[in-house]
Structure formats: structure tokens, C-alpha cells
C-alpha atoms as a PDB file:
ATOM      1  CA  UNK A   1      -6.170 -10.849 -21.143  1.00  0.00           C
ATOM      2  CA  UNK A   2      -3.001 -12.844 -20.711  1.00  0.00           C
ATOM      3  CA  UNK A   3      -2.999 -16.387 -21.917  1.00  0.00           C
ATOM      4  CA  UNK A   4      -1.901 -19.002 -19.364  1.00  0.00           C
ATOM      5  CA  UNK A   5       1.174 -19.463 -21.557  1.00  0.00           C
ATOM      6  CA  UNK A   6       2.397 -16.051 -20.469  1.00  0.00           C
ATOM      7  CA  UNK A   7       2.925 -17.374 -16.966  1.00  0.00           C
ATOM      8  CA  UNK A   8       4.937 -20.390 -18.093  1.00  0.00           C
ATOM      9  CA  UNK A   9       8.366 -19.086 -17.220  1.00  0.00           C
ATOM     10  CA  UNK A  10      10.062 -21.322 -19.787  1.00  0.00           C
ATOM     11  CA  UNK A  11       9.005 -18.837 -22.510  1.00  0.00           C
ATOM     12  CA  UNK A  12      12.349 -17.106 -22.897  1.00  0.00           C
ATOM     13  CA  UNK A  13      10.892 -14.629 -25.404  1.00  0.00           C
ATOM     14  CA  UNK A  14       9.149 -12.929 -22.490  1.00  0.00           C
ATOM     15  CA  UNK A  15      12.040 -12.748 -19.995  1.00  0.00           C
ATOM     16  CA  UNK A  16      12.412  -9.028 -20.682  1.00  0.00           C
ATOM     17  CA  UNK A  17       8.693  -8.462 -20.073  1.00  0.00           C
ATOM     18  CA  UNK A  18       8.756 -10.358 -16.766  1.00  0.00           C
ATOM     19  CA  UNK A  19      11.704  -8.307 -15.522  1.00  0.00           C
ATOM     20  CA  UNK A  20      10.167  -5.032 -16.685  1.00  0.00           C
ATOM     21  CA  UNK A  21       6.796  -5.897 -15.111  1.00  0.00           C
ATOM     22  CA  UNK A  22       8.500  -6.891 -11.849  1.00  0.00           C
ATOM     23  CA  UNK A  23      10.171  -3.483 -11.733  1.00  0.00           C
ATOM     24  CA  UNK A  24       6.904  -1.715 -12.614  1.00  0.00           C
ATOM     25  CA  UNK A  25       5.098  -3.621  -9.874  1.00  0.00           C
ATOM     26  CA  UNK A  26       7.798  -2.824  -7.321  1.00  0.00           C
ATOM     27  CA  UNK A  27       7.630   0.859  -8.275  1.00  0.00           C
ATOM     28  CA  UNK A  28       3.841   1.024  -8.010  1.00  0.00           C
ATOM     29  CA  UNK A  29       3.890  -0.868  -4.682  1.00  0.00           C
ATOM     30  CA  UNK A  30       6.414   1.709  -3.451  1.00  0.00           C
ATOM     31  CA  UNK A  31       4.111   4.524  -4.610  1.00  0.00           C
ATOM     32  CA  UNK A  32       1.048   2.938  -3.045  1.00  0.00           C
ATOM     33  CA  UNK A  33       2.889   2.481   0.243  1.00  0.00           C
ATOM     34  CA  UNK A  34       3.976   6.133   0.283  1.00  0.00           C
ATOM     35  CA  UNK A  35       0.434   7.351  -0.337  1.00  0.00           C
ATOM     36  CA  UNK A  36      -1.028   5.025   2.319  1.00  0.00           C
ATOM     37  CA  UNK A  37       1.539   6.261   4.846  1.00  0.00           C
ATOM     38  CA  UNK A  38       0.718   9.874   3.912  1.00  0.00           C
ATOM     39  CA  UNK A  39      -3.008   9.214   4.430  1.00  0.00           C
ATOM     40  CA  UNK A  40      -2.337   7.461   7.727  1.00  0.00           C
ATOM     41  CA  UNK A  41      -0.198  10.378   8.913  1.00  0.00           C
ATOM     42  CA  UNK A  42      -2.114  13.353   7.471  1.00  0.00           C
ATOM     43  CA  UNK A  43      -5.643  12.137   6.685  1.00  0.00           C
ATOM     44  CA  UNK A  44      -7.481  11.377   3.447  1.00  0.00           C
ATOM     45  CA  UNK A  45      -6.734  14.690   1.728  1.00  0.00           C
ATOM     46  CA  UNK A  46      -3.804  15.635   3.905  1.00  0.00           C
ATOM     47  CA  UNK A  47      -1.702  17.372   1.281  1.00  0.00           C
ATOM     48  CA  UNK A  48      -3.066  20.721   2.451  1.00  0.00           C
ATOM     49  CA  UNK A  49       0.039  22.611   1.317  1.00  0.00           C
ATOM     50  CA  UNK A  50      -0.998  22.236  -2.347  1.00  0.00           C
ATOM     51  CA  UNK A  51      -4.136  23.290  -4.250  1.00  0.00           C
ATOM     52  CA  UNK A  52      -7.142  20.971  -3.897  1.00  0.00           C
ATOM     53  CA  UNK A  53      -6.880  19.396  -7.409  1.00  0.00           C
ATOM     54  CA  UNK A  54      -3.291  18.297  -6.701  1.00  0.00           C
ATOM     55  CA  UNK A  55      -4.340  17.084  -3.256  1.00  0.00           C
ATOM     56  CA  UNK A  56      -7.116  14.998  -4.809  1.00  0.00           C
ATOM     57  CA  UNK A  57      -4.780  13.655  -7.529  1.00  0.00           C
ATOM     58  CA  UNK A  58      -2.096  12.557  -5.035  1.00  0.00           C
ATOM     59  CA  UNK A  59      -4.699  10.885  -2.826  1.00  0.00           C
ATOM     60  CA  UNK A  60      -6.292   9.191  -5.851  1.00  0.00           C
ATOM     61  CA  UNK A  61      -2.915   7.619  -6.697  1.00  0.00           C
ATOM     62  CA  UNK A  62      -3.454   5.417  -3.628  1.00  0.00           C
ATOM     63  CA  UNK A  63      -6.056   3.611  -5.743  1.00  0.00           C
ATOM     64  CA  UNK A  64      -4.569   4.069  -9.239  1.00  0.00           C
ATOM     65  CA  UNK A  65      -1.164   2.558  -8.378  1.00  0.00           C
ATOM     66  CA  UNK A  66      -2.574  -0.837  -7.258  1.00  0.00           C
ATOM     67  CA  UNK A  67      -5.025  -0.789 -10.177  1.00  0.00           C
ATOM     68  CA  UNK A  68      -2.012  -0.551 -12.466  1.00  0.00           C
ATOM     69  CA  UNK A  69      -0.528  -3.677 -10.885  1.00  0.00           C
ATOM     70  CA  UNK A  70      -3.779  -5.610 -11.320  1.00  0.00           C
ATOM     71  CA  UNK A  71      -4.055  -4.506 -14.944  1.00  0.00           C
ATOM     72  CA  UNK A  72      -0.419  -5.370 -15.696  1.00  0.00           C
ATOM     73  CA  UNK A  73      -1.114  -8.920 -14.553  1.00  0.00           C
ATOM     74  CA  UNK A  74      -4.481  -9.346 -16.239  1.00  0.00           C
ATOM     75  CA  UNK A  75      -4.763  -6.874 -19.120  1.00  0.00           C
ATOM     76  CA  UNK A  76      -1.153  -5.932 -19.848  1.00  0.00           C
ATOM     77  CA  UNK A  77      -1.844  -3.355 -22.553  1.00  0.00           C
ATOM     78  CA  UNK A  78      -4.220  -1.448 -20.266  1.00  0.00           C
ATOM     79  CA  UNK A  79      -1.726  -1.810 -17.412  1.00  0.00           C
ATOM     80  CA  UNK A  80       1.115  -0.415 -19.469  1.00  0.00           C
ATOM     81  CA  UNK A  81      -1.060   2.429 -20.737  1.00  0.00           C
ATOM     82  CA  UNK A  82      -2.103   3.325 -17.181  1.00  0.00           C
ATOM     83  CA  UNK A  83       1.521   3.088 -16.005  1.00  0.00           C
ATOM     84  CA  UNK A  84       2.603   5.593 -18.654  1.00  0.00           C
ATOM     85  CA  UNK A  85      -0.359   7.873 -17.891  1.00  0.00           C
ATOM     86  CA  UNK A  86       0.427   7.853 -14.168  1.00  0.00           C
ATOM     87  CA  UNK A  87       4.100   8.535 -14.697  1.00  0.00           C
ATOM     88  CA  UNK A  88       3.471  11.397 -17.166  1.00  0.00           C
ATOM     89  CA  UNK A  89       0.920  13.090 -14.935  1.00  0.00           C
ATOM     90  CA  UNK A  90       2.667  12.402 -11.626  1.00  0.00           C
ATOM     91  CA  UNK A  91       6.015  13.646 -12.894  1.00  0.00           C
ATOM     92  CA  UNK A  92       4.379  16.756 -14.346  1.00  0.00           C
ATOM     93  CA  UNK A  93       2.623  17.505 -11.059  1.00  0.00           C
ATOM     94  CA  UNK A  94       5.583  16.682  -8.830  1.00  0.00           C
ATOM     95  CA  UNK A  95       8.096  18.602 -10.950  1.00  0.00           C
ATOM     96  CA  UNK A  96       5.756  21.610 -11.030  1.00  0.00           C
ATOM     97  CA  UNK A  97       5.191  21.584  -7.269  1.00  0.00           C
ATOM     98  CA  UNK A  98       8.897  21.068  -6.568  1.00  0.00           C
ATOM     99  CA  UNK A  99       9.871  23.883  -8.945  1.00  0.00           C
ATOM    100  CA  UNK A 100       7.250  26.196  -7.428  1.00  0.00           C
ATOM    101  CA  UNK A 101       8.514  25.588  -3.887  1.00  0.00           C
ATOM    102  CA  UNK A 102      12.126  25.870  -5.005  1.00  0.00           C
ATOM    103  CA  UNK A 103      11.391  29.312  -6.473  1.00  0.00           C
ATOM    104  CA  UNK A 104       9.483  30.293  -3.340  1.00  0.00           C
ATOM    105  CA  UNK A 105      11.945  28.979  -0.744  1.00  0.00           C
ATOM    106  CA  UNK A 106      15.212  28.274  -2.568  1.00  0.00           C
ATOM    107  CA  UNK A 107      15.113  24.773  -1.066  1.00  0.00           C
ATOM    108  CA  UNK A 108      15.079  21.531  -3.054  1.00  0.00           C
ATOM    109  CA  UNK A 109      14.144  18.954  -0.465  1.00  0.00           C
ATOM    110  CA  UNK A 110      12.365  16.123  -2.265  1.00  0.00           C
ATOM    111  CA  UNK A 111      14.926  13.345  -2.705  1.00  0.00           C
ATOM    112  CA  UNK A 112      12.166  10.914  -3.713  1.00  0.00           C
ATOM    113  CA  UNK A 113      11.621  12.934  -6.888  1.00  0.00           C
ATOM    114  CA  UNK A 114      14.953  11.728  -8.297  1.00  0.00           C
ATOM    115  CA  UNK A 115      13.867   8.104  -7.815  1.00  0.00           C
ATOM    116  CA  UNK A 116      10.537   8.874  -9.450  1.00  0.00           C
ATOM    117  CA  UNK A 117      12.247  10.474 -12.454  1.00  0.00           C
ATOM    118  CA  UNK A 118      14.465   7.402 -12.868  1.00  0.00           C
ATOM    119  CA  UNK A 119      11.448   5.093 -12.584  1.00  0.00           C
ATOM    120  CA  UNK A 120       9.482   7.246 -15.047  1.00  0.00           C
ATOM    121  CA  UNK A 121      12.281   7.119 -17.597  1.00  0.00           C
ATOM    122  CA  UNK A 122      12.448   3.336 -17.156  1.00  0.00           C
ATOM    123  CA  UNK A 123       8.700   3.059 -17.781  1.00  0.00           C
ATOM    124  CA  UNK A 124       8.823   5.369 -20.832  1.00  0.00           C
ATOM    125  CA  UNK A 125      11.740   3.474 -22.382  1.00  0.00           C
ATOM    126  CA  UNK A 126      10.625  -0.094 -21.646  1.00  0.00           C
ATOM    127  CA  UNK A 127       6.840   0.015 -22.203  1.00  0.00           C
ATOM    128  CA  UNK A 128       7.148   0.217 -26.021  1.00  0.00           C
ATOM    129  CA  UNK A 129       9.556  -2.729 -25.990  1.00  0.00           C
ATOM    130  CA  UNK A 130       7.360  -4.794 -23.630  1.00  0.00           C
ATOM    131  CA  UNK A 131       4.280  -3.937 -25.707  1.00  0.00           C
ATOM    132  CA  UNK A 132       6.009  -5.212 -28.841  1.00  0.00           C
ATOM    133  CA  UNK A 133       7.266  -8.388 -27.140  1.00  0.00           C
ATOM    134  CA  UNK A 134       3.797  -9.225 -25.774  1.00  0.00           C
ATOM    135  CA  UNK A 135       2.206  -8.502 -29.133  1.00  0.00           C
ATOM    136  CA  UNK A 136       4.702 -10.791 -30.875  1.00  0.00           C
ATOM    137  CA  UNK A 137       4.117 -13.499 -28.290  1.00  0.00           C
ATOM    138  CA  UNK A 138       0.341 -13.252 -28.636  1.00  0.00           C
ATOM    139  CA  UNK A 139       0.594 -13.445 -32.428  1.00  0.00           C
ATOM    140  CA  UNK A 140       2.761 -16.578 -32.120  1.00  0.00           C
ATOM    141  CA  UNK A 141       0.134 -18.063 -29.797  1.00  0.00           C
ATOM    142  CA  UNK A 142      -2.590 -17.326 -32.337  1.00  0.00           C
ATOM    143  CA  UNK A 143      -4.319 -14.777 -30.110  1.00  0.00           C
END
């Protein structure tokens, strides 16, 4: 769990982590919002144009995305691990579904996928750096 010192914004060693976490949180709030709007519009398992396991996974992200935010702020290592897990699995699923429908229809219509790819790359590149910065900070704090 984060030490209170982590939230003292005068710790310049952690500026990178704060910025990265702010971007992670924004991205997962955006994802949560999209899934809530989908549920509101189409129902709890409203992704009926995909197989049931994908439908369940996408609906379950409504709960996993906010859990990631909570973990980032309380148990950062678990939060970062869950963030990477979500981005790996979500990108794999979304790229597969998009590719399947592109082959079937010849239409690439999911503009949000580009944003998700950019966010995923950001998470994959920055999590190892944030992990190392937090670890170094915790060691300096004697934790």
C-alpha cells in the first residue's frame, strides 16, 4: 500500500508516476464510461453481435476498469499489473473482433480502437518505468 509520503506532491522523484497514473486513470474512466453507456443503451449483456464469452468480457470491464483505478491509488503494483492485463486482453479481443468484421464486411468502422491502441502502448511502455520509480521511492522510504 502507498505510504502517505507518496501523496506529498513535493516528492519530485515521483512526478513521472503521478503523470502516468493520471493518464491511466483518465483512460480507465473513459473505458468505464463507454461500458456503462453501452449497458444503459443495450442492456447488461448487450453485445449480442459477438460470441457470449466476448460479451461477458466486455461487460465485465465495467467493473474491472474502476477496480484498476482503486488499485492504482491504494496498491500500485496490483493496479499496474491489472492495467497491463486489461490492455493485453482487451486489445487482443478488440483487434480480433475488428479484424473478423473487416474480413466479413470490408468495413473498418471502429475509430475508438486507434485510441485504445495508443493508450495500450502508453501503458506497456510506462508501467515498467513507473514500477521502478515506485520501487526506488519505497526503498528510500525504508518500506
